[in-house]
Amino acid sequence: MANVRVFFATNRNHQPQNKKEVFGKGFNPDGVAALRFGYADFRPDPKSPSLETLHVYPDILDEPDIRKTGGGQFMEDLRQAMAKGPRCDTLVFIHGFNVSFTGALQAGALLAQSVTVGDHPLNIVVFSWPSDGSAVPWMSYYSDREDARVSGPAIARAFLKFRDFVLALNAEDYCQRRVHLLAHSMGNYVLRNALQSLLHKDSSSLTRLFDQILMAAPDEDDDCFEHDDKLRLLPRIGRQVTVYFNPNDKGLTISDKTKANPDRLGSDGPRLVDLLPKKVELVDCRVVAGDADPFVEHSYYIRSQALADDMSAVMEDRLLEEIPNRKWIERSRAWRLGQETGIKSAQPPRPVAPDNPDA
């Protein structure tokens, strides 16, 4: 079986002499918004893909032609993969709290093996910010929260590089493929700060950069879609936003205790569903989250066939009412993924007994 390639962009510090972690826990010494690009090839495995090779593009400064920079070379190789390779669309992935650089790439490799658009696998681009990758919950959470906030401008810069690269393409070089975005956990807080950085740089920069935006177990305030200084304007940069939440998510307890704010978007969904932008959809994952992550029920975006099937259906642009393994729950204005019996794969939902309409 062929290796799985995962592209990456990062604002971490480059440490080429460290064979175990080529990018470390700190920021790029050239600045928190300074970016390096590359790709990693993994030997495929459904549980633990193993890193085979890692390539970092050269850091070329003071080059006015974006196509000749390291970022330009990265985007051209990605464009070629989208235009001519077996993988068609691209999914950009922003990881969450307590993830090392290699761990982020490995999660990207798992996504590359599980999510598809039609019969085609996806190209995966991981944006890795300096999450501690530490097991000290409270201390590393505080550190990661601040690093996530500071990393927003780096993501914004990467988005603008992507926009400028696309605008510079000739008509015949445009591959007619789509780019999607997935943020997990605290990666959604990084996304919020990237959005605010885009607004600060240029309010007109909120153009549609992505097709589908997926928010998995978002460590975000449950009122984030009510305020311009949070995520209310997020739908402007995508065609549709899907929020995956789980009331049994124990991983968000750390956020609850350290921020003294128990109301997280990833736990119970948004505070006021009537005020949601019309492009935002909600998916309750409580039935299937434990299948992939039985102890914490927070990292269910990977290793869950139900989630992989659902995200694939969303990125395929299936009609909402035709996505299998979902049930509409009127009182919460959300889709519930799976049935109470715990269906793991995307099969049509079973009939529900009249005395249990919300099963």
Protein backbone atom coordinates (compact mmCIF):
# COMPACT_ATOMS: atom_id res chain seq x y z
CA MET A 1 0.00 0.00 0.00
CA ALA A 2 1.32 3.44 -0.95
CA ASN A 3 2.46 5.85 1.72
CA VAL A 4 0.11 8.61 2.87
CA ARG A 5 1.38 12.15 2.34
CA VAL A 6 0.40 14.84 4.84
CA PHE A 7 1.26 18.45 3.99
CA PHE A 8 1.86 20.91 6.82
CA ALA A 9 2.27 24.56 7.73
CA THR A 10 3.52 25.57 11.15
CA ASN A 11 4.62 28.53 13.25
CA ARG A 12 6.65 26.26 15.56
CA ASN A 13 10.42 26.55 15.95
CA HIS A 14 12.41 24.52 13.44
CA GLN A 15 15.00 22.22 15.06
CA PRO A 16 16.51 20.17 12.19
CA GLN A 17 19.05 18.43 14.45
CA ASN A 18 16.26 16.86 16.49
CA LYS A 19 15.32 13.72 14.59
CA LYS A 20 12.40 12.96 16.91
CA GLU A 21 10.65 16.36 16.77
CA VAL A 22 11.80 18.47 13.81
CA PHE A 23 9.54 21.26 15.03
CA GLY A 24 9.40 21.96 18.74
CA LYS A 25 7.12 23.41 21.41
CA GLY A 26 8.16 27.03 20.88
CA PHE A 27 7.36 29.65 18.25
CA ASN A 28 9.35 30.33 15.11
CA PRO A 29 12.23 32.61 16.24
CA ASP A 30 11.45 34.94 13.31
CA GLY A 31 8.08 35.75 14.91
CA VAL A 32 4.87 34.10 16.07
CA ALA A 33 3.33 34.57 12.61
CA ALA A 34 6.39 33.31 10.70
CA LEU A 35 5.58 30.11 8.83
CA ARG A 36 7.44 27.05 7.59
CA PHE A 37 5.98 24.50 5.19
CA GLY A 38 6.59 20.87 4.32
CA TYR A 39 5.15 17.41 3.99
CA ALA A 40 5.48 14.06 5.75
CA ASP A 41 5.01 10.58 4.33
CA PHE A 42 3.45 7.96 6.60
CA ARG A 43 3.25 4.21 6.32
CA PRO A 44 -0.52 3.64 6.50
CA ASP A 45 -2.05 1.93 9.50
CA PRO A 46 -5.63 2.28 10.77
CA LYS A 47 -4.45 2.72 14.37
CA SER A 48 -0.96 4.20 14.36
CA PRO A 49 0.55 5.39 11.04
CA SER A 50 4.35 5.50 11.24
CA LEU A 51 6.37 8.45 9.98
CA GLU A 52 8.71 7.47 7.13
CA THR A 53 10.12 10.74 5.77
CA LEU A 54 9.70 14.46 6.40
CA HIS A 55 10.53 17.26 3.97
CA VAL A 56 10.74 20.96 4.90
CA TYR A 57 10.58 23.53 2.11
CA PRO A 58 13.38 26.13 2.06
CA ASP A 59 12.81 29.37 3.94
CA ILE A 60 13.20 31.94 1.17
CA LEU A 61 12.94 35.53 2.38
CA ASP A 62 12.52 38.82 0.46
CA GLU A 63 11.11 37.08 -2.61
CA PRO A 64 8.29 39.14 -4.19
CA ASP A 65 7.06 36.24 -6.36
CA ILE A 66 5.01 34.05 -4.01
CA ARG A 67 5.43 31.06 -6.32
CA LYS A 68 9.19 31.01 -5.64
CA THR A 69 8.93 31.08 -1.85
CA GLY A 70 8.77 28.00 0.37
CA GLY A 71 5.08 28.62 0.81
CA GLY A 72 4.63 28.96 -2.95
CA GLN A 73 6.44 25.67 -3.59
CA PHE A 74 4.26 24.03 -0.96
CA MET A 75 1.05 25.34 -2.55
CA GLU A 76 2.15 24.40 -6.07
CA ASP A 77 2.90 20.82 -4.99
CA LEU A 78 -0.50 20.70 -3.29
CA ARG A 79 -2.17 22.10 -6.41
CA GLN A 80 -0.50 19.41 -8.50
CA ALA A 81 -1.70 16.74 -6.08
CA MET A 82 -5.26 18.09 -6.32
CA ALA A 83 -5.20 18.42 -10.10
CA LYS A 84 -3.48 15.20 -11.13
CA GLY A 85 -3.36 12.82 -8.20
CA PRO A 86 -5.89 10.27 -6.90
CA ARG A 87 -6.71 12.66 -4.06
CA CYS A 88 -9.02 15.44 -5.18
CA ASP A 89 -10.29 17.88 -2.54
CA THR A 90 -8.12 19.13 0.32
CA LEU A 91 -8.93 19.25 4.04
CA VAL A 92 -7.03 21.78 6.18
CA PHE A 93 -6.82 20.55 9.79
CA ILE A 94 -6.10 22.67 12.90
CA HIS A 95 -5.39 20.47 15.93
CA GLY A 96 -6.29 21.15 19.54
CA PHE A 97 -4.76 21.27 23.01
CA ASN A 98 -1.87 19.07 24.17
CA VAL A 99 -0.67 17.83 20.77
CA SER A 100 2.95 17.52 19.65
CA PHE A 101 4.04 18.29 16.10
CA THR A 102 4.44 14.62 15.20
CA GLY A 103 1.14 13.82 16.93
CA ALA A 104 -0.60 16.44 14.80
CA LEU A 105 0.82 14.95 11.60
CA GLN A 106 -0.19 11.46 12.70
CA ALA A 107 -3.76 12.66 13.27
CA GLY A 108 -3.63 14.08 9.75
CA ALA A 109 -2.53 10.67 8.42
CA LEU A 110 -5.48 9.02 10.19
CA LEU A 111 -7.83 11.55 8.59
CA ALA A 112 -6.26 10.89 5.19
CA GLN A 113 -7.07 7.20 5.56
CA SER A 114 -10.66 7.63 6.75
CA VAL A 115 -12.37 10.60 5.09
CA THR A 116 -13.22 10.73 1.39
CA VAL A 117 -15.17 12.72 -1.16
CA GLY A 118 -17.04 10.23 -3.26
CA ASP A 119 -14.57 7.46 -4.04
CA HIS A 120 -11.57 9.76 -3.71
CA PRO A 121 -9.41 10.24 -0.60
CA LEU A 122 -8.53 13.75 0.50
CA ASN A 123 -5.28 15.66 0.57
CA ILE A 124 -4.61 16.69 4.17
CA VAL A 125 -2.90 19.90 5.25
CA VAL A 126 -2.13 20.16 8.97
CA PHE A 127 -1.62 23.55 10.56
CA SER A 128 0.40 22.84 13.70
CA TRP A 129 0.66 25.57 16.33
CA PRO A 130 2.88 25.25 19.47
CA SER A 131 0.65 23.11 21.63
CA ASP A 132 2.68 21.80 24.54
CA GLY A 133 2.08 18.11 24.01
CA SER A 134 2.42 17.82 27.80
CA ALA A 135 0.52 15.67 30.26
CA VAL A 136 0.27 18.36 32.97
CA PRO A 137 -3.40 19.30 32.49
CA TRP A 138 -3.82 22.67 34.20
CA MET A 139 -0.40 24.22 33.49
CA SER A 140 -0.22 23.10 29.87
CA TYR A 141 -3.83 24.14 29.28
CA TYR A 142 -3.09 27.72 30.37
CA SER A 143 0.03 27.78 28.20
CA ASP A 144 -1.74 26.30 25.19
CA ARG A 145 -4.65 28.73 25.51
CA GLU A 146 -2.29 31.68 25.25
CA ASP A 147 -0.30 30.07 22.43
CA ALA A 148 -3.56 29.40 20.58
CA ARG A 149 -4.53 33.06 20.89
CA VAL A 150 -1.14 34.26 19.66
CA SER A 151 -1.19 31.76 16.76
CA GLY A 152 -4.27 33.35 15.20
CA PRO A 153 -2.27 35.80 13.05
CA ALA A 154 -0.14 32.92 11.71
CA ILE A 155 -3.27 31.11 10.50
CA ALA A 156 -4.57 34.37 9.03
CA ARG A 157 -1.27 34.84 7.20
CA ALA A 158 -1.49 31.30 5.80
CA PHE A 159 -5.07 31.97 4.63
CA LEU A 160 -3.99 35.15 2.86
CA LYS A 161 -1.05 33.35 1.22
CA PHE A 162 -3.51 30.75 -0.03
CA ARG A 163 -5.83 33.46 -1.37
CA ASP A 164 -2.99 35.32 -3.12
CA PHE A 165 -1.65 32.09 -4.65
CA VAL A 166 -5.07 31.20 -6.08
CA LEU A 167 -5.58 34.71 -7.44
CA ALA A 168 -2.20 34.53 -9.20
CA LEU A 169 -3.07 31.30 -11.04
CA ASN A 170 -3.79 31.28 -14.74
CA ALA A 171 -7.26 30.03 -15.68
CA GLU A 172 -5.82 26.79 -17.11
CA ASP A 173 -3.94 26.07 -13.85
CA TYR A 174 -7.02 26.27 -11.65
CA CYS A 175 -7.79 22.69 -10.64
CA GLN A 176 -11.54 23.16 -9.93
CA ARG A 177 -11.24 21.25 -6.65
CA ARG A 178 -12.52 22.31 -3.25
CA VAL A 179 -10.75 23.11 0.01
CA HIS A 180 -12.39 22.33 3.37
CA LEU A 181 -11.43 23.19 6.95
CA LEU A 182 -11.56 21.08 10.13
CA ALA A 183 -10.71 22.48 13.58
CA HIS A 184 -10.67 20.28 16.68
CA SER A 185 -11.03 21.39 20.30
CA MET A 186 -8.81 24.42 21.05
CA GLY A 187 -8.02 24.62 17.34
CA ASN A 188 -11.37 26.41 17.10
CA TYR A 189 -10.04 29.11 19.44
CA VAL A 190 -7.05 29.43 17.09
CA LEU A 191 -9.56 29.76 14.26
CA ARG A 192 -11.45 32.50 16.12
CA ASN A 193 -8.27 34.51 16.55
CA ALA A 194 -7.34 33.95 12.91
CA LEU A 195 -10.74 35.33 11.89
CA GLN A 196 -10.25 38.39 14.09
CA SER A 197 -6.77 38.90 12.66
CA LEU A 198 -8.20 38.81 9.12
CA LEU A 199 -10.77 41.43 10.14
CA HIS A 200 -8.08 43.59 11.69
CA LYS A 201 -5.89 43.43 8.59
CA ASP A 202 -8.68 44.06 6.10
CA SER A 203 -12.41 43.56 6.63
CA SER A 204 -12.75 42.81 2.91
CA SER A 205 -10.43 39.80 3.34
CA LEU A 206 -13.34 37.66 4.60
CA THR A 207 -13.89 36.04 1.22
CA ARG A 208 -15.04 32.44 0.77
CA LEU A 209 -11.77 30.57 1.20
CA PHE A 210 -13.35 27.19 2.04
CA ASP A 211 -16.26 25.05 1.00
CA GLN A 212 -17.14 23.16 4.20
CA ILE A 213 -15.96 24.24 7.67
CA LEU A 214 -16.14 21.50 10.32
CA MET A 215 -15.87 22.30 14.03
CA ALA A 216 -15.25 19.14 16.09
CA ALA A 217 -15.60 19.26 19.91
CA PRO A 218 -14.96 23.02 19.80
CA ASP A 219 -13.39 24.47 22.96
CA GLU A 220 -15.21 27.72 22.33
CA ASP A 221 -17.80 29.80 24.16
CA ASP A 222 -21.36 28.71 23.48
CA ASP A 223 -22.24 32.30 22.52
CA CYS A 224 -19.47 32.53 19.90
CA PHE A 225 -21.93 32.83 16.99
CA GLU A 226 -23.63 35.82 18.64
CA HIS A 227 -20.65 38.20 18.57
CA ASP A 228 -18.61 39.76 15.78
CA ASP A 229 -15.50 39.62 17.97
CA LYS A 230 -15.84 35.83 18.23
CA LEU A 231 -17.13 33.61 15.39
CA ARG A 232 -20.35 35.19 14.13
CA LEU A 233 -18.63 36.12 10.86
CA LEU A 234 -17.04 32.69 10.33
CA PRO A 235 -19.67 31.64 7.74
CA ARG A 236 -18.34 34.37 5.45
CA ILE A 237 -15.21 32.32 4.70
CA GLY A 238 -17.07 29.05 4.02
CA ARG A 239 -20.16 27.79 2.24
CA GLN A 240 -21.41 25.83 5.28
CA VAL A 241 -20.33 25.38 8.91
CA THR A 242 -21.01 22.12 10.78
CA VAL A 243 -20.58 21.96 14.57
CA TYR A 244 -20.03 18.51 16.10
CA PHE A 245 -20.75 18.49 19.85
CA ASN A 246 -21.07 15.94 22.66
CA PRO A 247 -22.72 16.58 26.06
CA ASN A 248 -20.59 13.78 27.54
CA ASP A 249 -17.28 15.34 26.48
CA LYS A 250 -15.02 15.06 29.55
CA GLY A 251 -12.09 16.69 27.76
CA LEU A 252 -13.79 20.07 27.93
CA THR A 253 -13.94 19.81 31.72
CA ILE A 254 -10.40 21.23 31.83
CA SER A 255 -11.64 24.28 29.98
CA ASP A 256 -14.64 24.52 32.31
CA LYS A 257 -12.53 24.54 35.47
CA THR A 258 -9.64 26.71 34.33
CA LYS A 259 -11.78 29.38 32.66
CA ALA A 260 -14.66 29.29 35.16
CA ASN A 261 -16.95 29.10 32.14
CA PRO A 262 -18.71 25.75 31.82
CA ASP A 263 -20.71 26.73 28.76
CA ARG A 264 -18.71 25.29 25.87
CA LEU A 265 -19.88 25.01 22.29
CA GLY A 266 -18.45 21.49 22.08
CA SER A 267 -20.51 20.28 25.05
CA ASP A 268 -24.08 21.36 24.39
CA GLY A 269 -23.94 23.33 21.18
CA PRO A 270 -24.74 27.05 20.89
CA ARG A 271 -26.51 28.98 23.64
CA LEU A 272 -29.24 30.39 21.38
CA VAL A 273 -30.08 28.26 18.36
CA ASP A 274 -32.60 30.82 17.07
CA LEU A 275 -29.78 33.31 16.46
CA LEU A 276 -27.53 30.95 14.51
CA PRO A 277 -26.40 32.09 11.07
CA LYS A 278 -28.39 30.13 8.50
CA LYS A 279 -25.25 28.43 7.17
CA VAL A 280 -24.49 26.77 10.55
CA GLU A 281 -25.61 23.16 11.16
CA LEU A 282 -25.44 21.23 14.44
CA VAL A 283 -24.66 17.52 14.92
CA ASP A 284 -25.03 15.84 18.33
CA CYS A 285 -22.42 13.05 18.62
CA ARG A 286 -23.23 11.69 22.08
CA VAL A 287 -24.31 8.27 20.77
CA VAL A 288 -21.15 7.54 18.76
CA ALA A 289 -18.41 9.54 20.56
CA GLY A 290 -17.63 6.76 23.02
CA ASP A 291 -17.01 4.22 20.27
CA ALA A 292 -13.81 6.00 19.26
CA ASP A 293 -12.83 7.64 22.56
CA PRO A 294 -14.48 5.64 25.37
CA PHE A 295 -12.83 7.33 28.36
CA VAL A 296 -12.79 11.04 27.50
CA GLU A 297 -15.18 11.25 24.51
CA HIS A 298 -13.33 14.30 23.17
CA SER A 299 -11.18 13.07 20.26
CA TYR A 300 -13.99 11.32 18.43
CA TYR A 301 -13.22 13.15 15.18
CA ILE A 302 -10.71 10.36 14.41
CA ARG A 303 -10.96 6.59 14.80
CA SER A 304 -14.74 6.79 14.47
CA GLN A 305 -16.31 5.30 11.37
CA ALA A 306 -19.54 7.16 12.11
CA LEU A 307 -17.77 10.53 12.18
CA ALA A 308 -15.64 9.71 9.13
CA ASP A 309 -18.76 8.77 7.17
CA ASP A 310 -20.63 11.87 8.30
CA MET A 311 -17.80 14.30 7.56
CA SER A 312 -17.33 12.64 4.18
CA ALA A 313 -21.04 13.07 3.40
CA VAL A 314 -20.88 16.74 4.40
CA MET A 315 -17.84 17.37 2.19
CA GLU A 316 -19.57 15.53 -0.66
CA ASP A 317 -22.29 18.17 -0.38
CA ARG A 318 -25.04 15.63 0.32
CA LEU A 319 -28.45 17.08 1.09
CA LEU A 320 -28.76 17.35 4.88
CA GLU A 321 -31.92 15.24 5.01
CA GLU A 322 -30.24 12.54 2.91
CA ILE A 323 -27.13 12.05 5.06
CA PRO A 324 -27.55 8.57 6.60
CA ASN A 325 -27.24 7.65 10.27
CA ARG A 326 -28.74 11.00 11.37
CA LYS A 327 -32.01 11.88 13.07
CA TRP A 328 -33.47 15.39 13.36
CA ILE A 329 -34.15 16.40 16.99
CA GLU A 330 -36.62 19.28 16.88
CA ARG A 331 -36.26 20.48 20.47
CA SER A 332 -32.51 21.08 20.09
CA ARG A 333 -32.62 22.05 16.39
CA ALA A 334 -29.80 19.58 15.77
CA TRP A 335 -29.10 16.33 13.98
CA ARG A 336 -28.26 13.39 16.22
CA LEU A 337 -25.66 11.06 14.79
CA GLY A 338 -26.34 7.35 15.32
CA GLN A 339 -29.09 5.71 17.37
CA GLU A 340 -29.19 4.83 21.05
CA THR A 341 -28.08 1.34 20.11
CA GLY A 342 -24.80 2.83 18.90
CA ILE A 343 -24.67 2.29 15.12
CA LYS A 344 -21.04 2.82 14.14
CA SER A 345 -21.28 2.97 10.36
CA ALA A 346 -23.31 5.22 8.13
CA GLN A 347 -26.40 3.06 7.75
CA PRO A 348 -29.93 4.44 7.39
CA PRO A 349 -31.41 5.06 10.86
CA ARG A 350 -33.64 2.38 12.30
CA PRO A 351 -37.34 3.07 12.96
CA VAL A 352 -37.89 4.72 16.34
CA ALA A 353 -40.47 3.42 18.79
CA PRO A 354 -43.37 5.87 19.35
CA ASP A 355 -42.71 6.07 23.09
CA ASN A 356 -39.09 7.14 22.55
CA PRO A 357 -39.11 9.81 19.82
CA ASP A 358 -35.67 11.21 20.63
CA ALA A 359 -33.75 7.92 20.58
